[in-house]
N, C-alpha and C. Protein backbone atom coordinates (compact mmCIF):
# COMPACT_ATOMS: atom_id res chain seq x y z
N MET A 1 0.83 -1.17 0.00
CA MET A 1 0.00 0.00 0.00
C MET A 1 0.89 1.24 0.00
N ILE A 2 0.64 2.18 -0.88
CA ILE A 2 1.39 3.43 -0.97
C ILE A 2 0.61 4.51 -0.22
N ARG A 3 1.30 5.19 0.68
CA ARG A 3 0.69 6.26 1.46
C ARG A 3 1.19 7.61 0.96
N ILE A 4 0.24 8.52 0.69
CA ILE A 4 0.57 9.86 0.23
C ILE A 4 -0.12 10.86 1.15
N LEU A 5 0.63 11.85 1.61
CA LEU A 5 0.10 12.94 2.41
C LEU A 5 0.19 14.21 1.58
N ALA A 6 -0.93 14.91 1.44
CA ALA A 6 -0.96 16.19 0.73
C ALA A 6 -1.33 17.28 1.72
N VAL A 7 -0.47 18.31 1.82
CA VAL A 7 -0.69 19.42 2.74
C VAL A 7 -0.82 20.68 1.91
N ASP A 8 -2.05 21.19 1.80
CA ASP A 8 -2.31 22.39 1.00
C ASP A 8 -3.56 23.06 1.52
N ASP A 9 -3.53 24.38 1.66
CA ASP A 9 -4.67 25.11 2.21
C ASP A 9 -5.75 25.41 1.16
N ASP A 10 -5.46 25.22 -0.10
CA ASP A 10 -6.40 25.54 -1.17
C ASP A 10 -7.34 24.36 -1.43
N PRO A 11 -8.66 24.55 -1.19
CA PRO A 11 -9.59 23.43 -1.39
C PRO A 11 -9.62 22.93 -2.84
N PHE A 12 -9.40 23.82 -3.81
CA PHE A 12 -9.37 23.40 -5.21
C PHE A 12 -8.18 22.46 -5.45
N ILE A 13 -7.02 22.82 -4.93
CA ILE A 13 -5.83 21.98 -5.10
C ILE A 13 -6.04 20.63 -4.42
N ARG A 14 -6.59 20.64 -3.21
CA ARG A 14 -6.83 19.37 -2.52
C ARG A 14 -7.79 18.49 -3.31
N ALA A 15 -8.85 19.08 -3.87
CA ALA A 15 -9.79 18.29 -4.67
C ALA A 15 -9.10 17.76 -5.93
N LEU A 16 -8.28 18.58 -6.56
CA LEU A 16 -7.53 18.16 -7.74
C LEU A 16 -6.59 17.00 -7.40
N LEU A 17 -5.88 17.13 -6.30
CA LEU A 17 -4.97 16.06 -5.88
C LEU A 17 -5.73 14.78 -5.58
N GLN A 18 -6.87 14.92 -4.94
CA GLN A 18 -7.70 13.74 -4.63
C GLN A 18 -8.08 13.03 -5.93
N GLY A 19 -8.53 13.79 -6.93
CA GLY A 19 -8.91 13.20 -8.20
C GLY A 19 -7.76 12.59 -8.96
N LEU A 20 -6.59 13.22 -8.88
CA LEU A 20 -5.41 12.74 -9.61
C LEU A 20 -4.73 11.54 -8.97
N LEU A 21 -4.68 11.54 -7.66
CA LEU A 21 -3.81 10.59 -6.97
C LEU A 21 -4.52 9.42 -6.31
N ALA A 22 -5.83 9.54 -6.12
CA ALA A 22 -6.56 8.43 -5.52
C ALA A 22 -6.59 7.28 -6.51
N ALA A 23 -6.17 6.12 -6.05
CA ALA A 23 -6.12 4.93 -6.92
C ALA A 23 -6.07 3.70 -6.04
N PRO A 24 -6.46 2.56 -6.59
CA PRO A 24 -6.31 1.32 -5.82
C PRO A 24 -4.85 1.14 -5.40
N GLY A 25 -4.65 0.73 -4.17
CA GLY A 25 -3.30 0.53 -3.67
C GLY A 25 -2.68 1.78 -3.08
N ARG A 26 -3.43 2.87 -3.04
CA ARG A 26 -2.93 4.12 -2.47
C ARG A 26 -3.86 4.59 -1.36
N ILE A 27 -3.26 5.10 -0.30
CA ILE A 27 -4.00 5.77 0.77
C ILE A 27 -3.59 7.23 0.72
N LEU A 28 -4.55 8.10 0.45
CA LEU A 28 -4.28 9.53 0.32
C LEU A 28 -4.88 10.25 1.52
N THR A 29 -4.03 10.98 2.25
CA THR A 29 -4.46 11.75 3.40
C THR A 29 -4.28 13.22 3.07
N MET A 30 -5.29 14.03 3.40
CA MET A 30 -5.25 15.47 3.14
C MET A 30 -5.10 16.24 4.44
N ALA A 31 -4.32 17.31 4.40
CA ALA A 31 -4.18 18.22 5.52
C ALA A 31 -4.30 19.64 4.97
N GLU A 32 -5.01 20.50 5.70
CA GLU A 32 -5.27 21.87 5.23
C GLU A 32 -4.26 22.89 5.72
N THR A 33 -3.55 22.58 6.79
CA THR A 33 -2.61 23.54 7.38
C THR A 33 -1.30 22.84 7.71
N GLY A 34 -0.30 23.64 8.01
CA GLY A 34 0.96 23.07 8.45
C GLY A 34 0.80 22.28 9.74
N ALA A 35 0.00 22.81 10.66
CA ALA A 35 -0.24 22.10 11.92
C ALA A 35 -0.90 20.75 11.67
N ASP A 36 -1.87 20.72 10.75
CA ASP A 36 -2.52 19.44 10.40
C ASP A 36 -1.50 18.47 9.79
N GLY A 37 -0.61 19.00 8.99
CA GLY A 37 0.43 18.16 8.39
C GLY A 37 1.37 17.60 9.44
N LEU A 38 1.76 18.45 10.39
CA LEU A 38 2.67 17.99 11.45
C LEU A 38 1.99 16.99 12.37
N ALA A 39 0.66 17.06 12.49
CA ALA A 39 -0.06 16.08 13.30
C ALA A 39 0.09 14.68 12.72
N GLN A 40 0.45 14.59 11.46
CA GLN A 40 0.63 13.29 10.80
C GLN A 40 1.90 12.57 11.27
N LEU A 41 2.76 13.26 12.02
CA LEU A 41 3.96 12.61 12.54
C LEU A 41 3.61 11.42 13.43
N ALA A 42 2.42 11.46 14.01
CA ALA A 42 1.99 10.36 14.88
C ALA A 42 1.33 9.23 14.10
N GLU A 43 1.13 9.42 12.82
CA GLU A 43 0.46 8.43 11.97
C GLU A 43 1.51 7.58 11.26
N PRO A 44 1.07 6.52 10.57
CA PRO A 44 2.05 5.75 9.77
C PRO A 44 2.77 6.67 8.78
N VAL A 45 4.05 6.44 8.62
CA VAL A 45 4.89 7.27 7.76
C VAL A 45 4.48 7.08 6.30
N PRO A 46 4.24 8.19 5.57
CA PRO A 46 3.87 8.06 4.16
C PRO A 46 5.09 7.79 3.28
N ASP A 47 4.81 7.41 2.05
CA ASP A 47 5.87 7.22 1.06
C ASP A 47 6.20 8.54 0.36
N LEU A 48 5.22 9.44 0.33
CA LEU A 48 5.36 10.71 -0.38
C LEU A 48 4.53 11.77 0.32
N VAL A 49 5.09 12.98 0.38
CA VAL A 49 4.37 14.15 0.88
C VAL A 49 4.38 15.20 -0.22
N LEU A 50 3.21 15.76 -0.50
CA LEU A 50 3.09 16.93 -1.37
C LEU A 50 2.82 18.09 -0.42
N LEU A 51 3.73 19.05 -0.37
CA LEU A 51 3.70 20.08 0.66
C LEU A 51 3.69 21.47 0.05
N ASP A 52 2.64 22.23 0.33
CA ASP A 52 2.52 23.60 -0.14
C ASP A 52 3.55 24.47 0.57
N LEU A 53 4.26 25.28 -0.17
CA LEU A 53 5.25 26.18 0.40
C LEU A 53 4.57 27.31 1.17
N GLY A 54 3.41 27.77 0.69
CA GLY A 54 2.74 28.94 1.27
C GLY A 54 1.53 28.59 2.11
N LEU A 55 1.74 27.96 3.23
CA LEU A 55 0.64 27.62 4.13
C LEU A 55 0.31 28.82 5.02
N PRO A 56 -0.94 28.92 5.48
CA PRO A 56 -1.34 30.11 6.24
C PRO A 56 -0.84 30.16 7.67
N ASP A 57 -0.57 29.03 8.29
CA ASP A 57 -0.21 29.04 9.71
C ASP A 57 1.29 28.86 9.95
N ILE A 58 1.89 27.90 9.29
CA ILE A 58 3.31 27.59 9.41
C ILE A 58 3.84 27.48 7.98
N SER A 59 4.97 28.08 7.71
CA SER A 59 5.46 28.00 6.33
C SER A 59 5.77 26.56 5.96
N GLY A 60 5.62 26.26 4.68
CA GLY A 60 5.94 24.93 4.19
C GLY A 60 7.39 24.57 4.46
N LEU A 61 8.29 25.56 4.42
CA LEU A 61 9.70 25.31 4.72
C LEU A 61 9.88 24.86 6.17
N GLU A 62 9.15 25.48 7.08
CA GLU A 62 9.24 25.08 8.49
C GLU A 62 8.69 23.68 8.68
N VAL A 63 7.57 23.37 8.03
CA VAL A 63 7.01 22.03 8.11
C VAL A 63 8.01 21.02 7.56
N LEU A 64 8.62 21.34 6.43
CA LEU A 64 9.63 20.47 5.83
C LEU A 64 10.76 20.19 6.82
N LYS A 65 11.25 21.22 7.47
CA LYS A 65 12.36 21.06 8.42
C LYS A 65 11.97 20.16 9.59
N VAL A 66 10.74 20.32 10.09
CA VAL A 66 10.29 19.48 11.20
C VAL A 66 10.17 18.02 10.74
N LEU A 67 9.58 17.82 9.55
CA LEU A 67 9.45 16.45 9.03
C LEU A 67 10.81 15.81 8.86
N ARG A 68 11.75 16.56 8.32
CA ARG A 68 13.10 16.02 8.10
C ARG A 68 13.82 15.76 9.42
N GLY A 69 13.41 16.45 10.48
CA GLY A 69 14.02 16.24 11.78
C GLY A 69 13.53 14.99 12.49
N ALA A 70 12.45 14.40 12.01
CA ALA A 70 11.90 13.18 12.61
C ALA A 70 12.61 11.98 11.99
N LYS A 71 13.28 11.18 12.81
CA LYS A 71 14.06 10.06 12.30
C LYS A 71 13.28 9.14 11.37
N SER A 72 12.05 8.82 11.75
CA SER A 72 11.27 7.86 10.96
C SER A 72 10.85 8.44 9.60
N TRP A 73 10.96 9.75 9.43
CA TRP A 73 10.58 10.40 8.18
C TRP A 73 11.78 10.70 7.28
N ALA A 74 12.95 10.26 7.66
CA ALA A 74 14.18 10.60 6.93
C ALA A 74 14.13 10.19 5.46
N GLY A 75 13.52 9.06 5.14
CA GLY A 75 13.49 8.58 3.76
C GLY A 75 12.26 8.96 2.97
N VAL A 76 11.37 9.74 3.57
CA VAL A 76 10.13 10.12 2.89
C VAL A 76 10.43 11.12 1.78
N ARG A 77 9.87 10.89 0.61
CA ARG A 77 10.02 11.83 -0.51
C ARG A 77 9.05 12.99 -0.28
N ILE A 78 9.52 14.23 -0.46
CA ILE A 78 8.69 15.41 -0.25
C ILE A 78 8.81 16.31 -1.46
N LEU A 79 7.69 16.48 -2.15
CA LEU A 79 7.60 17.40 -3.29
C LEU A 79 6.91 18.68 -2.81
N MET A 80 7.55 19.80 -3.03
CA MET A 80 6.99 21.08 -2.66
C MET A 80 6.07 21.57 -3.78
N LEU A 81 4.90 22.06 -3.40
CA LEU A 81 3.98 22.71 -4.32
C LEU A 81 4.09 24.20 -4.04
N THR A 82 4.30 25.01 -5.07
CA THR A 82 4.49 26.43 -4.80
C THR A 82 3.95 27.31 -5.91
N ALA A 83 3.38 28.43 -5.51
CA ALA A 83 2.97 29.44 -6.47
C ALA A 83 4.08 30.48 -6.62
N SER A 84 5.14 30.33 -5.83
CA SER A 84 6.25 31.27 -5.82
C SER A 84 7.30 30.87 -6.85
N SER A 85 7.78 31.85 -7.57
CA SER A 85 8.90 31.58 -8.48
C SER A 85 10.20 32.08 -7.87
N ASP A 86 10.17 32.36 -6.57
CA ASP A 86 11.34 32.85 -5.85
C ASP A 86 12.37 31.73 -5.72
N LEU A 87 13.45 31.87 -6.44
CA LEU A 87 14.50 30.86 -6.47
C LEU A 87 15.08 30.60 -5.08
N GLU A 88 15.15 31.63 -4.27
CA GLU A 88 15.70 31.47 -2.91
C GLU A 88 14.91 30.45 -2.10
N ASN A 89 13.58 30.49 -2.19
CA ASN A 89 12.74 29.52 -1.47
C ASN A 89 13.00 28.10 -1.96
N LEU A 90 13.15 27.95 -3.25
CA LEU A 90 13.36 26.62 -3.81
C LEU A 90 14.73 26.07 -3.43
N VAL A 91 15.74 26.91 -3.42
CA VAL A 91 17.07 26.49 -3.00
C VAL A 91 17.04 26.10 -1.52
N GLU A 92 16.34 26.89 -0.71
CA GLU A 92 16.22 26.58 0.72
C GLU A 92 15.47 25.26 0.93
N ALA A 93 14.41 25.03 0.15
CA ALA A 93 13.66 23.77 0.26
C ALA A 93 14.55 22.58 -0.09
N LYS A 94 15.33 22.72 -1.15
CA LYS A 94 16.25 21.63 -1.53
C LYS A 94 17.26 21.38 -0.42
N ALA A 95 17.83 22.46 0.12
CA ALA A 95 18.82 22.32 1.19
C ALA A 95 18.21 21.69 2.44
N ALA A 96 16.92 21.93 2.66
CA ALA A 96 16.24 21.39 3.85
C ALA A 96 15.78 19.94 3.65
N GLY A 97 15.95 19.42 2.43
CA GLY A 97 15.65 18.01 2.23
C GLY A 97 14.48 17.70 1.32
N ALA A 98 13.96 18.69 0.61
CA ALA A 98 12.88 18.40 -0.35
C ALA A 98 13.43 17.53 -1.48
N THR A 99 12.56 16.71 -2.03
CA THR A 99 12.92 15.85 -3.15
C THR A 99 12.76 16.59 -4.47
N GLY A 100 11.92 17.63 -4.48
CA GLY A 100 11.69 18.40 -5.68
C GLY A 100 10.56 19.38 -5.48
N TYR A 101 10.17 20.03 -6.57
CA TYR A 101 9.07 20.98 -6.48
C TYR A 101 8.33 21.03 -7.81
N ILE A 102 7.11 21.54 -7.73
CA ILE A 102 6.33 21.84 -8.92
C ILE A 102 5.62 23.16 -8.67
N CYS A 103 5.67 24.04 -9.67
CA CYS A 103 5.06 25.36 -9.54
C CYS A 103 3.58 25.34 -9.92
N LYS A 104 2.79 26.07 -9.14
CA LYS A 104 1.38 26.26 -9.45
C LYS A 104 1.27 27.49 -10.35
N PRO A 105 0.39 27.53 -11.28
CA PRO A 105 -0.49 26.43 -11.65
C PRO A 105 0.29 25.37 -12.41
N PHE A 106 -0.08 24.13 -12.22
CA PHE A 106 0.58 23.03 -12.89
C PHE A 106 -0.42 22.28 -13.75
N GLU A 107 0.11 21.59 -14.73
CA GLU A 107 -0.72 20.72 -15.55
C GLU A 107 -0.97 19.44 -14.76
N PRO A 108 -2.21 19.03 -14.59
CA PRO A 108 -2.50 17.83 -13.79
C PRO A 108 -1.72 16.60 -14.23
N ASP A 109 -1.59 16.39 -15.54
CA ASP A 109 -0.87 15.20 -15.99
C ASP A 109 0.61 15.27 -15.66
N VAL A 110 1.19 16.48 -15.64
CA VAL A 110 2.59 16.64 -15.28
C VAL A 110 2.79 16.28 -13.80
N LEU A 111 1.89 16.76 -12.95
CA LEU A 111 2.00 16.42 -11.53
C LEU A 111 1.85 14.91 -11.32
N ALA A 112 0.88 14.31 -11.97
CA ALA A 112 0.68 12.86 -11.83
C ALA A 112 1.92 12.10 -12.27
N GLU A 113 2.55 12.52 -13.37
CA GLU A 113 3.77 11.86 -13.84
C GLU A 113 4.94 12.08 -12.88
N MET A 114 5.03 13.28 -12.30
CA MET A 114 6.10 13.54 -11.34
C MET A 114 5.92 12.68 -10.09
N VAL A 115 4.69 12.54 -9.62
CA VAL A 115 4.41 11.69 -8.47
C VAL A 115 4.82 10.25 -8.77
N ASN A 116 4.46 9.78 -9.95
CA ASN A 116 4.84 8.42 -10.34
C ASN A 116 6.36 8.27 -10.42
N ASP A 117 7.03 9.26 -10.97
CA ASP A 117 8.50 9.23 -11.05
C ASP A 117 9.11 9.09 -9.66
N VAL A 118 8.63 9.90 -8.72
CA VAL A 118 9.17 9.88 -7.37
C VAL A 118 8.90 8.53 -6.70
N LEU A 119 7.71 8.00 -6.88
CA LEU A 119 7.36 6.74 -6.24
C LEU A 119 8.08 5.54 -6.87
N GLU A 120 8.36 5.62 -8.16
CA GLU A 120 8.94 4.48 -8.87
C GLU A 120 10.47 4.52 -8.97
N GLN A 121 11.09 5.65 -8.62
CA GLN A 121 12.54 5.78 -8.76
C GLN A 121 13.16 6.15 -7.41
N PRO A 122 13.45 5.18 -6.58
CA PRO A 122 13.98 5.47 -5.25
C PRO A 122 15.34 6.17 -5.24
N ASP A 123 16.08 6.10 -6.34
CA ASP A 123 17.38 6.74 -6.39
C ASP A 123 17.31 8.18 -6.91
N LEU A 124 16.12 8.67 -7.19
CA LEU A 124 15.94 10.03 -7.68
C LEU A 124 16.36 11.02 -6.60
N ILE A 125 17.23 11.97 -6.93
CA ILE A 125 17.70 12.90 -5.90
C ILE A 125 17.06 14.28 -6.00
N TRP A 126 16.58 14.68 -7.16
CA TRP A 126 15.92 15.99 -7.29
C TRP A 126 15.06 15.97 -8.53
N LEU A 127 13.86 16.52 -8.41
CA LEU A 127 12.93 16.56 -9.52
C LEU A 127 12.16 17.87 -9.47
N ASP A 128 12.12 18.57 -10.58
CA ASP A 128 11.28 19.75 -10.65
C ASP A 128 10.64 19.83 -12.02
N ASP A 129 9.64 20.70 -12.12
CA ASP A 129 8.90 20.76 -13.37
C ASP A 129 9.74 21.35 -14.51
N TYR A 130 10.79 22.09 -14.21
CA TYR A 130 11.63 22.66 -15.24
C TYR A 130 12.58 21.60 -15.81
N THR A 131 13.33 20.94 -14.94
CA THR A 131 14.30 19.96 -15.45
C THR A 131 13.60 18.72 -15.98
N ARG A 132 12.45 18.37 -15.40
CA ARG A 132 11.73 17.20 -15.87
C ARG A 132 11.27 17.41 -17.30
N ALA A 133 10.84 18.60 -17.61
CA ALA A 133 10.36 18.89 -18.95
C ALA A 133 11.49 18.86 -19.98
N ARG A 134 12.71 18.94 -19.49
CA ARG A 134 13.86 19.01 -20.38
C ARG A 134 14.80 17.81 -20.25
N ARG A 135 14.35 16.76 -19.57
CA ARG A 135 15.24 15.59 -19.43
C ARG A 135 15.35 14.87 -20.76
N PRO A 136 16.46 14.21 -21.00
CA PRO A 136 16.64 13.50 -22.27
C PRO A 136 15.62 12.39 -22.43
N ALA A 137 15.21 12.15 -23.64
CA ALA A 137 14.21 11.10 -23.91
C ALA A 137 14.85 9.73 -23.84
């Protein structure tokens, strides 16, 4: 069973993620705030986290740092979702242990493919919507 945690305050994004990622063999958990996401530390560890950078209560970067600080979450893949094109935030997310990022608005099929890439390629060290679109065929 594959466990996915999505942390995003936008109800439209959460509904989109639910439609894209819900599938047999997957357990999808939604969280609306950073605090809700951090509450998942007491739950079974997911295989993947989709984490909004711009949460209303705690920044996505702070949530990322707390998740990475939990020993049992060390191997969890974390893709940042962001409406920000601020390179500094993305560099900081990578340095804090993010597996990659995708910028909003995103094409649903691109996100679904990126999720599959992360889940199917355990040796993947960084993935973003820019380099993924330009990877060799």
